[in-house]
Amino acid sequence: MVKLLLITLGIVAVAVLLLSMKLLLKGDTRGPMTHIGASKAMRERGIHCVESMDAIERHQRANRPHAKERTEN
């Protein structure tokens, strides 16, 4: 049982080491930029991240003229 646990921990350690090789060798702690807004192609198409698009829509909705309510005399 202990032998199986040690083999499993060894495999996991090797996997983590292999997955982090670029980070360990390059020393770049920031990692890749994965936000949609950081992509030049997406910006050219007018596609933004969800938070930005939501803020734009809320701003447009707030500035839209509202329908007048009918009042009964």
C-alpha atoms as a PDB file:
ATOM      1  CA  MET A   1       0.000   0.000   0.000  1.00  0.00           C
ATOM      2  CA  VAL A   2       2.817   2.394   0.896  1.00  0.00           C
ATOM      3  CA  LYS A   3       4.680   1.422  -2.260  1.00  0.00           C
ATOM      4  CA  LEU A   4       1.640   2.321  -4.396  1.00  0.00           C
ATOM      5  CA  LEU A   5       1.298   5.658  -2.594  1.00  0.00           C
ATOM      6  CA  LEU A   6       4.959   6.520  -3.205  1.00  0.00           C
ATOM      7  CA  ILE A   7       4.704   5.578  -6.889  1.00  0.00           C
ATOM      8  CA  THR A   8       1.581   7.720  -7.248  1.00  0.00           C
ATOM      9  CA  LEU A   9       3.215  10.689  -5.530  1.00  0.00           C
ATOM     10  CA  GLY A  10       6.272  10.282  -7.764  1.00  0.00           C
ATOM     11  CA  ILE A  11       4.144  10.283 -10.923  1.00  0.00           C
ATOM     12  CA  VAL A  12       2.235  13.375  -9.756  1.00  0.00           C
ATOM     13  CA  ALA A  13       5.506  15.161  -8.888  1.00  0.00           C
ATOM     14  CA  VAL A  14       6.967  14.410 -12.317  1.00  0.00           C
ATOM     15  CA  ALA A  15       3.769  15.578 -14.011  1.00  0.00           C
ATOM     16  CA  VAL A  16       3.765  18.870 -12.084  1.00  0.00           C
ATOM     17  CA  LEU A  17       7.453  19.373 -12.864  1.00  0.00           C
ATOM     18  CA  LEU A  18       6.895  18.762 -16.585  1.00  0.00           C
ATOM     19  CA  LEU A  19       3.856  21.063 -16.681  1.00  0.00           C
ATOM     20  CA  SER A  20       5.803  23.874 -14.989  1.00  0.00           C
ATOM     21  CA  MET A  21       9.019  23.595 -17.039  1.00  0.00           C
ATOM     22  CA  LYS A  22       8.371  26.768 -19.031  1.00  0.00           C
ATOM     23  CA  LEU A  23       7.655  28.718 -15.878  1.00  0.00           C
ATOM     24  CA  LEU A  24      10.728  27.366 -14.107  1.00  0.00           C
ATOM     25  CA  LEU A  25      13.103  27.888 -17.041  1.00  0.00           C
ATOM     26  CA  LYS A  26      11.834  31.230 -18.288  1.00  0.00           C
ATOM     27  CA  GLY A  27      11.118  32.768 -14.891  1.00  0.00           C
ATOM     28  CA  ASP A  28       8.059  34.628 -16.180  1.00  0.00           C
ATOM     29  CA  THR A  29       5.555  34.579 -13.322  1.00  0.00           C
ATOM     30  CA  ARG A  30       2.791  36.418 -15.162  1.00  0.00           C
ATOM     31  CA  GLY A  31       1.809  33.636 -17.539  1.00  0.00           C
ATOM     32  CA  PRO A  32      -0.066  34.074 -20.790  1.00  0.00           C
ATOM     33  CA  MET A  33      -2.771  36.724 -21.155  1.00  0.00           C
ATOM     34  CA  THR A  34      -6.016  34.845 -21.696  1.00  0.00           C
ATOM     35  CA  HIS A  35      -8.540  37.691 -21.516  1.00  0.00           C
ATOM     36  CA  ILE A  36     -10.556  38.315 -24.670  1.00  0.00           C
ATOM     37  CA  GLY A  37      -9.927  42.048 -24.445  1.00  0.00           C
ATOM     38  CA  ALA A  38      -6.180  41.466 -24.762  1.00  0.00           C
ATOM     39  CA  SER A  39      -6.555  39.859 -28.190  1.00  0.00           C
ATOM     40  CA  LYS A  40      -6.008  42.261 -31.086  1.00  0.00           C
ATOM     41  CA  ALA A  41      -8.207  40.193 -33.424  1.00  0.00           C
ATOM     42  CA  MET A  42     -11.131  40.297 -30.970  1.00  0.00           C
ATOM     43  CA  ARG A  43     -10.786  44.049 -30.465  1.00  0.00           C
ATOM     44  CA  GLU A  44     -10.844  44.568 -34.248  1.00  0.00           C
ATOM     45  CA  ARG A  45     -14.120  42.620 -34.394  1.00  0.00           C
ATOM     46  CA  GLY A  46     -15.582  44.719 -31.576  1.00  0.00           C
ATOM     47  CA  ILE A  47     -15.713  41.818 -29.117  1.00  0.00           C
ATOM     48  CA  HIS A  48     -14.860  42.646 -25.517  1.00  0.00           C
ATOM     49  CA  CYS A  49     -14.853  40.716 -22.268  1.00  0.00           C
ATOM     50  CA  VAL A  50     -18.208  40.096 -20.597  1.00  0.00           C
ATOM     51  CA  GLU A  51     -17.652  42.702 -17.901  1.00  0.00           C
ATOM     52  CA  SER A  52     -16.834  45.429 -20.439  1.00  0.00           C
ATOM     53  CA  MET A  53     -19.786  44.534 -22.663  1.00  0.00           C
ATOM     54  CA  ASP A  54     -22.113  44.548 -19.642  1.00  0.00           C
ATOM     55  CA  ALA A  55     -20.865  47.987 -18.587  1.00  0.00           C
ATOM     56  CA  ILE A  56     -21.366  49.328 -22.132  1.00  0.00           C
ATOM     57  CA  GLU A  57     -24.914  47.940 -22.299  1.00  0.00           C
ATOM     58  CA  ARG A  58     -25.803  49.334 -18.869  1.00  0.00           C
ATOM     59  CA  HIS A  59     -24.495  52.752 -19.904  1.00  0.00           C
ATOM     60  CA  GLN A  60     -26.487  52.667 -23.147  1.00  0.00           C
ATOM     61  CA  ARG A  61     -29.621  51.521 -21.306  1.00  0.00           C
ATOM     62  CA  ALA A  62     -29.273  54.319 -18.737  1.00  0.00           C
ATOM     63  CA  ASN A  63     -28.966  56.974 -21.465  1.00  0.00           C
ATOM     64  CA  ARG A  64     -31.869  55.645 -23.551  1.00  0.00           C
ATOM     65  CA  PRO A  65     -34.976  57.839 -23.475  1.00  0.00           C
ATOM     66  CA  HIS A  66     -37.745  56.267 -21.456  1.00  0.00           C
ATOM     67  CA  ALA A  67     -41.354  55.948 -22.562  1.00  0.00           C
ATOM     68  CA  LYS A  68     -43.692  58.378 -20.848  1.00  0.00           C
ATOM     69  CA  GLU A  69     -46.253  56.846 -18.565  1.00  0.00           C
ATOM     70  CA  ARG A  70     -49.865  57.570 -19.261  1.00  0.00           C
ATOM     71  CA  THR A  71     -51.700  59.330 -16.491  1.00  0.00           C
ATOM     72  CA  GLU A  72     -55.426  59.003 -16.096  1.00  0.00           C
ATOM     73  CA  ASN A  73     -57.335  62.226 -15.516  1.00  0.00           C
END
